[in-house]
Amino acid sequence: MPKILAKLKDARVWGRSAGWPAALTYAAYRTKMALGLPEPATLSIKPRQAKYPVVVRLRGSSDMEVFGPIFVAEEYACIGEISSPKLVMDLGANVGYSSAYLLSRFPSAAFVAVEPDPDNFKQCRENLAPYGNRVRLVLGGVWSDRSRLVLSRPTFGDGREWAAQVRESDGEDDEATVEGWDIPSLLELAGQEQIDLLKVDIEGSESHLFGSNFSSWLPKVRNICIELHGADCRDVFFNALKNFEYELGFSGDLTICRNLRPKAS
């Protein structure tokens, strides 16, 4: 991640990856900051990999650090070879950059984008609005079953927007305000039987998602792109996949499992 973040400071890297219109927007912003001018609240950037511009929140937000790996380092370029996906699920959509990237890469695919943080969700809805009814946005967290969850930022990251987590309630004084969704419910919402690409970045909740109740839906997933948060999450994830064959790859912080299929008996 430090190498990726370093790229954010080099407009030439932006030009080669996110495209020169995005690089010029970023360079103008950096110049204003160097001159001591007031920092705007947001910045609208049109990366070459997205059909429409996206809004980046500034003033201490983590949005630029999310934008960098997706549009500057292009971590998701490795899954562009997936053929003709019909349904993509973006679990942990944040402000919608990964969905915007994949919506533009797979123009015939339908999307379900799930995000638990209301402020992130609001920005996600704005960023994905141009894609119309191709996207079903869900305000909620992803879990192993339907439940009520608590929104928090206690352990991962730096406590900013990109570190939003969900967890189970500790008791009556720990109010569960987030709708918890399991994969079968999301599939029913989408009206589909198969997930062609499951993108997962849910800040540690993958240990719950892949820890139980996965046997009914995992055979319906063709490809997985996941950010695993720590050794425990890695162990739980790969244990869930022990009865499957797949092609394993890595891109930045992402673990890619392509062509998932049950092992022959």
C-alpha atoms as a PDB file:
ATOM      1  CA  MET A   1       0.000   0.000   0.000  1.00  0.00           C
ATOM      2  CA  PRO A   2       2.773   2.609   0.679  1.00  0.00           C
ATOM      3  CA  LYS A   3       4.030   2.224  -2.915  1.00  0.00           C
ATOM      4  CA  ILE A   4       0.505   2.697  -4.225  1.00  0.00           C
ATOM      5  CA  LEU A   5      -0.039   5.807  -2.122  1.00  0.00           C
ATOM      6  CA  ALA A   6       3.275   7.230  -3.309  1.00  0.00           C
ATOM      7  CA  LYS A   7       1.984   7.042  -6.885  1.00  0.00           C
ATOM      8  CA  LEU A   8      -0.811   9.414  -5.961  1.00  0.00           C
ATOM      9  CA  LYS A   9       1.714  12.248  -5.721  1.00  0.00           C
ATOM     10  CA  ASP A  10       3.068  11.839  -9.257  1.00  0.00           C
ATOM     11  CA  ALA A  11       0.914  13.419 -11.978  1.00  0.00           C
ATOM     12  CA  ARG A  12       2.941  11.612 -14.661  1.00  0.00           C
ATOM     13  CA  VAL A  13       1.878   8.272 -13.204  1.00  0.00           C
ATOM     14  CA  TRP A  14      -1.700   9.523 -13.205  1.00  0.00           C
ATOM     15  CA  GLY A  15      -1.390  10.414 -16.870  1.00  0.00           C
ATOM     16  CA  ARG A  16      -0.166   6.959 -17.839  1.00  0.00           C
ATOM     17  CA  SER A  17      -2.778   5.123 -15.774  1.00  0.00           C
ATOM     18  CA  ALA A  18      -5.851   7.203 -14.916  1.00  0.00           C
ATOM     19  CA  GLY A  19      -5.444   9.297 -18.075  1.00  0.00           C
ATOM     20  CA  TRP A  20      -4.336  12.856 -18.729  1.00  0.00           C
ATOM     21  CA  PRO A  21      -7.698  14.558 -18.027  1.00  0.00           C
ATOM     22  CA  ALA A  22      -7.603  13.000 -14.545  1.00  0.00           C
ATOM     23  CA  ALA A  23      -3.918  13.903 -14.192  1.00  0.00           C
ATOM     24  CA  LEU A  24      -4.561  17.549 -15.086  1.00  0.00           C
ATOM     25  CA  THR A  25      -7.419  17.746 -12.581  1.00  0.00           C
ATOM     26  CA  TYR A  26      -5.194  16.282  -9.897  1.00  0.00           C
ATOM     27  CA  ALA A  27      -2.224  18.506 -10.804  1.00  0.00           C
ATOM     28  CA  ALA A  28      -4.420  21.619 -10.616  1.00  0.00           C
ATOM     29  CA  TYR A  29      -5.625  20.555  -7.181  1.00  0.00           C
ATOM     30  CA  ARG A  30      -2.072  19.946  -5.947  1.00  0.00           C
ATOM     31  CA  THR A  31      -0.969  23.330  -7.293  1.00  0.00           C
ATOM     32  CA  LYS A  32      -3.763  25.120  -5.423  1.00  0.00           C
ATOM     33  CA  MET A  33      -2.779  23.349  -2.205  1.00  0.00           C
ATOM     34  CA  ALA A  34       0.883  24.289  -2.714  1.00  0.00           C
ATOM     35  CA  LEU A  35      -0.151  27.929  -3.126  1.00  0.00           C
ATOM     36  CA  GLY A  36      -2.020  27.804   0.186  1.00  0.00           C
ATOM     37  CA  LEU A  37      -5.468  28.249  -1.340  1.00  0.00           C
ATOM     38  CA  PRO A  38      -8.502  26.851   0.519  1.00  0.00           C
ATOM     39  CA  GLU A  39      -9.022  23.135  -0.044  1.00  0.00           C
ATOM     40  CA  PRO A  40     -12.315  22.293  -1.754  1.00  0.00           C
ATOM     41  CA  ALA A  41     -14.663  19.822  -0.135  1.00  0.00           C
ATOM     42  CA  THR A  42     -14.712  17.545  -3.165  1.00  0.00           C
ATOM     43  CA  LEU A  43     -13.001  16.973  -6.489  1.00  0.00           C
ATOM     44  CA  SER A  44     -14.684  15.575  -9.611  1.00  0.00           C
ATOM     45  CA  ILE A  45     -12.271  13.349 -11.559  1.00  0.00           C
ATOM     46  CA  LYS A  46     -12.821  11.494 -14.833  1.00  0.00           C
ATOM     47  CA  PRO A  47     -10.466   8.468 -14.900  1.00  0.00           C
ATOM     48  CA  ARG A  48     -10.041   6.838 -18.284  1.00  0.00           C
ATOM     49  CA  GLN A  49     -11.237   3.475 -16.889  1.00  0.00           C
ATOM     50  CA  ALA A  50     -14.671   4.826 -15.908  1.00  0.00           C
ATOM     51  CA  LYS A  51     -17.392   5.934 -18.298  1.00  0.00           C
ATOM     52  CA  TYR A  52     -18.389   8.833 -16.045  1.00  0.00           C
ATOM     53  CA  PRO A  53     -16.561  11.126 -13.568  1.00  0.00           C
ATOM     54  CA  VAL A  54     -16.473  10.226  -9.887  1.00  0.00           C
ATOM     55  CA  VAL A  55     -16.474  12.544  -6.898  1.00  0.00           C
ATOM     56  CA  VAL A  56     -13.596  12.377  -4.406  1.00  0.00           C
ATOM     57  CA  ARG A  57     -14.186  13.810  -0.942  1.00  0.00           C
ATOM     58  CA  LEU A  58     -11.215  15.791   0.398  1.00  0.00           C
ATOM     59  CA  ARG A  59     -10.366  17.487   3.717  1.00  0.00           C
ATOM     60  CA  GLY A  60      -9.038  14.395   5.456  1.00  0.00           C
ATOM     61  CA  SER A  61     -11.256  11.840   3.737  1.00  0.00           C
ATOM     62  CA  SER A  62      -9.854   8.452   2.727  1.00  0.00           C
ATOM     63  CA  ASP A  63     -11.428   8.702  -0.742  1.00  0.00           C
ATOM     64  CA  MET A  64      -8.171   9.558  -2.515  1.00  0.00           C
ATOM     65  CA  GLU A  65      -6.497   6.498  -0.973  1.00  0.00           C
ATOM     66  CA  VAL A  66      -9.342   4.376  -2.333  1.00  0.00           C
ATOM     67  CA  PHE A  67      -9.198   6.056  -5.751  1.00  0.00           C
ATOM     68  CA  GLY A  68      -5.449   5.382  -6.101  1.00  0.00           C
ATOM     69  CA  PRO A  69      -5.352   1.564  -6.047  1.00  0.00           C
ATOM     70  CA  ILE A  70      -8.363   1.340  -8.370  1.00  0.00           C
ATOM     71  CA  PHE A  71      -7.653   3.974 -11.017  1.00  0.00           C
ATOM     72  CA  VAL A  72      -3.931   4.758 -10.650  1.00  0.00           C
ATOM     73  CA  ALA A  73      -2.424   1.383  -9.668  1.00  0.00           C
ATOM     74  CA  GLU A  74      -5.247  -0.466 -11.495  1.00  0.00           C
ATOM     75  CA  GLU A  75      -5.456  -3.370  -9.067  1.00  0.00           C
ATOM     76  CA  TYR A  76      -8.632  -4.616 -10.736  1.00  0.00           C
ATOM     77  CA  ALA A  77      -7.141  -4.801 -14.239  1.00  0.00           C
ATOM     78  CA  CYS A  78      -6.308  -8.465 -13.585  1.00  0.00           C
ATOM     79  CA  ILE A  79      -9.986  -9.468 -13.585  1.00  0.00           C
ATOM     80  CA  GLY A  80     -10.781  -7.738 -16.859  1.00  0.00           C
ATOM     81  CA  GLU A  81     -10.334 -11.033 -18.671  1.00  0.00           C
ATOM     82  CA  ILE A  82     -13.451 -12.563 -17.079  1.00  0.00           C
ATOM     83  CA  SER A  83     -15.753 -13.318 -19.972  1.00  0.00           C
ATOM     84  CA  SER A  84     -19.241 -11.823 -20.227  1.00  0.00           C
ATOM     85  CA  PRO A  85     -20.311 -11.649 -16.575  1.00  0.00           C
ATOM     86  CA  LYS A  86     -24.057 -11.237 -16.070  1.00  0.00           C
ATOM     87  CA  LEU A  87     -24.007 -10.432 -12.345  1.00  0.00           C
ATOM     88  CA  VAL A  88     -21.303  -8.723 -10.295  1.00  0.00           C
ATOM     89  CA  MET A  89     -21.634  -8.218  -6.542  1.00  0.00           C
ATOM     90  CA  ASP A  90     -19.585  -5.475  -4.937  1.00  0.00           C
ATOM     91  CA  LEU A  91     -19.551  -6.222  -1.215  1.00  0.00           C
ATOM     92  CA  GLY A  92     -18.063  -3.261   0.614  1.00  0.00           C
ATOM     93  CA  ALA A  93     -18.648  -0.781  -2.196  1.00  0.00           C
ATOM     94  CA  ASN A  94     -17.385   2.226  -0.205  1.00  0.00           C
ATOM     95  CA  VAL A  95     -18.052   5.265  -2.452  1.00  0.00           C
ATOM     96  CA  GLY A  96     -18.478   3.249  -5.639  1.00  0.00           C
ATOM     97  CA  TYR A  97     -15.074   3.462  -7.345  1.00  0.00           C
ATOM     98  CA  SER A  98     -14.642  -0.291  -7.783  1.00  0.00           C
ATOM     99  CA  SER A  99     -18.197  -0.584  -9.107  1.00  0.00           C
ATOM    100  CA  ALA A 100     -17.631   2.320 -11.524  1.00  0.00           C
ATOM    101  CA  TYR A 101     -14.453   0.626 -12.779  1.00  0.00           C
ATOM    102  CA  LEU A 102     -16.174  -2.735 -13.264  1.00  0.00           C
ATOM    103  CA  LEU A 103     -19.420  -1.274 -14.649  1.00  0.00           C
ATOM    104  CA  SER A 104     -17.351   0.388 -17.354  1.00  0.00           C
ATOM    105  CA  ARG A 105     -15.287  -2.737 -17.984  1.00  0.00           C
ATOM    106  CA  PHE A 106     -18.349  -5.027 -18.177  1.00  0.00           C
ATOM    107  CA  PRO A 107     -21.048  -2.917 -19.876  1.00  0.00           C
ATOM    108  CA  SER A 108     -23.607  -5.746 -20.107  1.00  0.00           C
ATOM    109  CA  ALA A 109     -23.384  -6.855 -16.464  1.00  0.00           C
ATOM    110  CA  ALA A 110     -25.884  -6.108 -13.699  1.00  0.00           C
ATOM    111  CA  PHE A 111     -24.503  -5.073 -10.318  1.00  0.00           C
ATOM    112  CA  VAL A 112     -25.439  -5.297  -6.656  1.00  0.00           C
ATOM    113  CA  ALA A 113     -23.372  -2.873  -4.554  1.00  0.00           C
ATOM    114  CA  VAL A 114     -23.543  -3.169  -0.753  1.00  0.00           C
ATOM    115  CA  GLU A 115     -22.180  -0.570   1.682  1.00  0.00           C
ATOM    116  CA  PRO A 116     -22.973  -0.216   5.419  1.00  0.00           C
ATOM    117  CA  ASP A 117     -21.787   3.345   6.134  1.00  0.00           C
ATOM    118  CA  PRO A 118     -24.573   5.895   5.380  1.00  0.00           C
ATOM    119  CA  ASP A 119     -22.148   8.669   4.360  1.00  0.00           C
ATOM    120  CA  ASN A 120     -20.216   6.358   2.050  1.00  0.00           C
ATOM    121  CA  PHE A 121     -23.505   5.022   0.690  1.00  0.00           C
ATOM    122  CA  LYS A 122     -24.703   8.534  -0.134  1.00  0.00           C
ATOM    123  CA  GLN A 123     -21.508   9.236  -2.078  1.00  0.00           C
ATOM    124  CA  CYS A 124     -21.674   5.806  -3.717  1.00  0.00           C
ATOM    125  CA  ARG A 125     -25.194   6.526  -4.911  1.00  0.00           C
ATOM    126  CA  GLU A 126     -24.044   9.815  -6.462  1.00  0.00           C
ATOM    127  CA  ASN A 127     -21.064   8.216  -8.190  1.00  0.00           C
ATOM    128  CA  LEU A 128     -23.086   5.322  -9.616  1.00  0.00           C
ATOM    129  CA  ALA A 129     -26.243   7.248 -10.542  1.00  0.00           C
ATOM    130  CA  PRO A 130     -25.148   7.686 -14.195  1.00  0.00           C
ATOM    131  CA  TYR A 131     -25.165   3.892 -14.656  1.00  0.00           C
ATOM    132  CA  GLY A 132     -28.904   3.847 -14.022  1.00  0.00           C
ATOM    133  CA  ASN A 133     -30.790   0.644 -13.337  1.00  0.00           C
ATOM    134  CA  ARG A 134     -27.764  -1.548 -14.019  1.00  0.00           C
ATOM    135  CA  VAL A 135     -26.915  -1.104 -10.322  1.00  0.00           C
ATOM    136  CA  ARG A 136     -28.936  -2.139  -7.292  1.00  0.00           C
ATOM    137  CA  LEU A 137     -27.590  -0.247  -4.264  1.00  0.00           C
ATOM    138  CA  VAL A 138     -28.036  -1.795  -0.823  1.00  0.00           C
ATOM    139  CA  LEU A 139     -27.452   0.124   2.412  1.00  0.00           C
ATOM    140  CA  GLY A 140     -26.308  -2.614   4.759  1.00  0.00           C
ATOM    141  CA  GLY A 141     -23.582  -4.987   5.831  1.00  0.00           C
ATOM    142  CA  VAL A 142     -22.729  -8.451   4.545  1.00  0.00           C
ATOM    143  CA  TRP A 143     -22.905 -11.327   7.020  1.00  0.00           C
ATOM    144  CA  SER A 144     -23.337 -15.099   7.156  1.00  0.00           C
ATOM    145  CA  ASP A 145     -27.097 -14.709   7.781  1.00  0.00           C
ATOM    146  CA  ARG A 146     -29.832 -12.094   7.850  1.00  0.00           C
ATOM    147  CA  SER A 147     -29.322 -10.077  10.994  1.00  0.00           C
ATOM    148  CA  ARG A 148     -29.023  -6.639  12.585  1.00  0.00           C
ATOM    149  CA  LEU A 149     -25.487  -5.299  12.935  1.00  0.00           C
ATOM    150  CA  VAL A 150     -23.532  -2.457  14.503  1.00  0.00           C
ATOM    151  CA  LEU A 151     -21.467  -0.009  12.421  1.00  0.00           C
ATOM    152  CA  SER A 152     -18.005   0.716  13.802  1.00  0.00           C
ATOM    153  CA  ARG A 153     -14.389   1.467  12.882  1.00  0.00           C
ATOM    154  CA  PRO A 154     -12.529  -0.142  15.781  1.00  0.00           C
ATOM    155  CA  THR A 155      -9.573  -2.110  14.464  1.00  0.00           C
ATOM    156  CA  PHE A 156      -8.769  -1.890  10.753  1.00  0.00           C
ATOM    157  CA  GLY A 157      -7.155   1.055   9.025  1.00  0.00           C
ATOM    158  CA  ASP A 158      -7.024   4.542  10.489  1.00  0.00           C
ATOM    159  CA  GLY A 159     -10.637   5.089  11.526  1.00  0.00           C
ATOM    160  CA  ARG A 160     -11.584   7.011   8.392  1.00  0.00           C
ATOM    161  CA  GLU A 161     -14.369   6.162   5.938  1.00  0.00           C
ATOM    162  CA  TRP A 162     -12.574   3.282   4.250  1.00  0.00           C
ATOM    163  CA  ALA A 163     -12.316   1.419   7.566  1.00  0.00           C
ATOM    164  CA  ALA A 164     -16.067   1.099   8.206  1.00  0.00           C
ATOM    165  CA  GLN A 165     -16.877  -2.293   9.763  1.00  0.00           C
ATOM    166  CA  VAL A 166     -19.953  -4.124  10.911  1.00  0.00           C
ATOM    167  CA  ARG A 167     -20.166  -6.458  13.886  1.00  0.00           C
ATOM    168  CA  GLU A 168     -22.706  -8.162  16.074  1.00  0.00           C
ATOM    169  CA  SER A 169     -24.211  -6.240  18.976  1.00  0.00           C
ATOM    170  CA  ASP A 170     -22.680  -6.681  22.427  1.00  0.00           C
ATOM    171  CA  GLY A 171     -25.968  -6.094  24.249  1.00  0.00           C
ATOM    172  CA  GLU A 172     -28.869  -3.712  24.876  1.00  0.00           C
ATOM    173  CA  ASP A 173     -26.652  -0.615  25.055  1.00  0.00           C
ATOM    174  CA  ASP A 174     -24.983  -1.492  21.742  1.00  0.00           C
ATOM    175  CA  GLU A 175     -27.722  -0.633  19.263  1.00  0.00           C
ATOM    176  CA  ALA A 176     -27.763  -2.613  16.030  1.00  0.00           C
ATOM    177  CA  THR A 177     -28.805  -0.163  13.320  1.00  0.00           C
ATOM    178  CA  VAL A 178     -27.390  -1.808  10.188  1.00  0.00           C
ATOM    179  CA  GLU A 179     -29.314  -4.310   8.097  1.00  0.00           C
ATOM    180  CA  GLY A 180     -27.286  -7.511   7.716  1.00  0.00           C
ATOM    181  CA  TRP A 181     -27.538  -9.295   4.358  1.00  0.00           C
ATOM    182  CA  ASP A 182     -26.491 -12.814   3.456  1.00  0.00           C
ATOM    183  CA  ILE A 183     -25.598 -13.892  -0.075  1.00  0.00           C
ATOM    184  CA  PRO A 184     -28.802 -15.891  -0.769  1.00  0.00           C
ATOM    185  CA  SER A 185     -30.875 -12.785   0.074  1.00  0.00           C
ATOM    186  CA  LEU A 186     -28.763 -10.631  -2.243  1.00  0.00           C
ATOM    187  CA  LEU A 187     -29.124 -13.188  -5.036  1.00  0.00           C
ATOM    188  CA  GLU A 188     -32.890 -13.165  -4.529  1.00  0.00           C
ATOM    189  CA  LEU A 189     -32.858  -9.359  -4.625  1.00  0.00           C
ATOM    190  CA  ALA A 190     -30.950  -9.457  -7.922  1.00  0.00           C
ATOM    191  CA  GLY A 191     -33.246 -12.100  -9.366  1.00  0.00           C
ATOM    192  CA  GLN A 192     -30.251 -14.203 -10.410  1.00  0.00           C
ATOM    193  CA  GLU A 193     -29.037 -17.751  -9.784  1.00  0.00           C
ATOM    194  CA  GLN A 194     -25.297 -17.205 -10.253  1.00  0.00           C
ATOM    195  CA  ILE A 195     -22.657 -14.626  -9.280  1.00  0.00           C
ATOM    196  CA  ASP A 196     -20.118 -14.277 -12.059  1.00  0.00           C
ATOM    197  CA  LEU A 197     -17.826 -12.012 -10.019  1.00  0.00           C
ATOM    198  CA  LEU A 198     -17.921 -11.592  -6.242  1.00  0.00           C
ATOM    199  CA  LYS A 199     -15.814  -8.618  -5.153  1.00  0.00           C
ATOM    200  CA  VAL A 200     -15.315  -8.552  -1.361  1.00  0.00           C
ATOM    201  CA  ASP A 201     -13.710  -5.808   0.749  1.00  0.00           C
ATOM    202  CA  ILE A 202     -15.595  -5.844   4.039  1.00  0.00           C
ATOM    203  CA  GLU A 203     -12.916  -5.015   6.605  1.00  0.00           C
ATOM    204  CA  GLY A 204     -12.700  -8.347   8.413  1.00  0.00           C
ATOM    205  CA  SER A 205     -16.305  -9.481   8.069  1.00  0.00           C
ATOM    206  CA  GLU A 206     -15.105 -12.031   5.517  1.00  0.00           C
ATOM    207  CA  SER A 207     -14.342 -14.259   8.502  1.00  0.00           C
ATOM    208  CA  HIS A 208     -18.111 -14.387   9.161  1.00  0.00           C
ATOM    209  CA  LEU A 209     -19.207 -14.492   5.525  1.00  0.00           C
ATOM    210  CA  PHE A 210     -16.982 -17.486   4.760  1.00  0.00           C
ATOM    211  CA  GLY A 211     -17.064 -18.922   8.268  1.00  0.00           C
ATOM    212  CA  SER A 212     -20.541 -20.450   8.178  1.00  0.00           C
ATOM    213  CA  ASN A 213     -23.625 -20.943   6.004  1.00  0.00           C
ATOM    214  CA  PHE A 214     -21.619 -20.706   2.787  1.00  0.00           C
ATOM    215  CA  SER A 215     -22.247 -24.202   1.401  1.00  0.00           C
ATOM    216  CA  SER A 216     -25.556 -23.224  -0.222  1.00  0.00           C
ATOM    217  CA  TRP A 217     -24.273 -20.222  -2.176  1.00  0.00           C
ATOM    218  CA  LEU A 218     -20.531 -20.701  -2.771  1.00  0.00           C
ATOM    219  CA  PRO A 219     -21.097 -23.216  -5.625  1.00  0.00           C
ATOM    220  CA  LYS A 220     -23.026 -20.421  -7.390  1.00  0.00           C
ATOM    221  CA  VAL A 221     -19.944 -18.144  -7.555  1.00  0.00           C
ATOM    222  CA  ARG A 222     -17.707 -18.236 -10.635  1.00  0.00           C
ATOM    223  CA  ASN A 223     -14.915 -15.810  -9.631  1.00  0.00           C
ATOM    224  CA  ILE A 224     -13.883 -14.097  -6.388  1.00  0.00           C
ATOM    225  CA  CYS A 225     -11.829 -10.946  -5.915  1.00  0.00           C
ATOM    226  CA  ILE A 226     -11.257 -10.353  -2.191  1.00  0.00           C
ATOM    227  CA  GLU A 227      -9.154  -8.237   0.156  1.00  0.00           C
ATOM    228  CA  LEU A 228      -8.305 -10.401   3.159  1.00  0.00           C
ATOM    229  CA  HIS A 229      -7.675  -8.623   6.451  1.00  0.00           C
ATOM    230  CA  GLY A 230      -5.188 -10.657   8.452  1.00  0.00           C
ATOM    231  CA  ALA A 231      -4.144 -14.278   8.856  1.00  0.00           C
ATOM    232  CA  ASP A 232      -7.372 -15.376  10.545  1.00  0.00           C
ATOM    233  CA  CYS A 233      -9.469 -14.135   7.639  1.00  0.00           C
ATOM    234  CA  ARG A 234      -7.153 -15.842   5.157  1.00  0.00           C
ATOM    235  CA  ASP A 235      -7.465 -19.132   7.025  1.00  0.00           C
ATOM    236  CA  VAL A 236     -11.263 -18.951   7.146  1.00  0.00           C
ATOM    237  CA  PHE A 237     -11.519 -18.003   3.476  1.00  0.00           C
ATOM    238  CA  PHE A 238      -9.271 -20.737   2.127  1.00  0.00           C
ATOM    239  CA  ASN A 239     -10.854 -23.304   4.415  1.00  0.00           C
ATOM    240  CA  ALA A 240     -14.227 -22.462   2.852  1.00  0.00           C
ATOM    241  CA  LEU A 241     -12.678 -23.071  -0.582  1.00  0.00           C
ATOM    242  CA  LYS A 242     -11.022 -26.389   0.327  1.00  0.00           C
ATOM    243  CA  ASN A 243     -13.540 -28.416  -1.681  1.00  0.00           C
ATOM    244  CA  PHE A 244     -13.160 -26.234  -4.772  1.00  0.00           C
ATOM    245  CA  GLU A 245     -10.668 -25.944  -7.564  1.00  0.00           C
ATOM    246  CA  TYR A 246      -9.674 -22.515  -8.901  1.00  0.00           C
ATOM    247  CA  GLU A 247      -6.835 -20.519 -10.409  1.00  0.00           C
ATOM    248  CA  LEU A 248      -5.234 -18.417  -7.673  1.00  0.00           C
ATOM    249  CA  GLY A 249      -3.684 -15.012  -8.321  1.00  0.00           C
ATOM    250  CA  PHE A 250      -2.818 -11.766  -6.544  1.00  0.00           C
ATOM    251  CA  SER A 251      -2.916  -8.073  -7.428  1.00  0.00           C
ATOM    252  CA  GLY A 252      -1.810  -5.548  -4.824  1.00  0.00           C
ATOM    253  CA  ASP A 253      -3.895  -6.267  -1.734  1.00  0.00           C
ATOM    254  CA  LEU A 254      -6.331  -8.429  -3.690  1.00  0.00           C
ATOM    255  CA  THR A 255      -6.592 -12.219  -3.771  1.00  0.00           C
ATOM    256  CA  ILE A 256      -8.158 -13.536  -6.980  1.00  0.00           C
ATOM    257  CA  CYS A 257      -9.805 -16.968  -7.349  1.00  0.00           C
ATOM    258  CA  ARG A 258     -10.792 -17.536 -10.976  1.00  0.00           C
ATOM    259  CA  ASN A 259     -12.986 -20.249 -12.459  1.00  0.00           C
ATOM    260  CA  LEU A 260     -14.250 -21.587  -9.142  1.00  0.00           C
ATOM    261  CA  ARG A 261     -15.698 -25.106  -9.406  1.00  0.00           C
ATOM    262  CA  PRO A 262     -16.312 -27.981  -6.998  1.00  0.00           C
ATOM    263  CA  LYS A 263     -13.614 -30.641  -6.860  1.00  0.00           C
ATOM    264  CA  ALA A 264     -14.461 -33.883  -8.580  1.00  0.00           C
ATOM    265  CA  SER A 265     -15.570 -36.586  -6.162  1.00  0.00           C
END
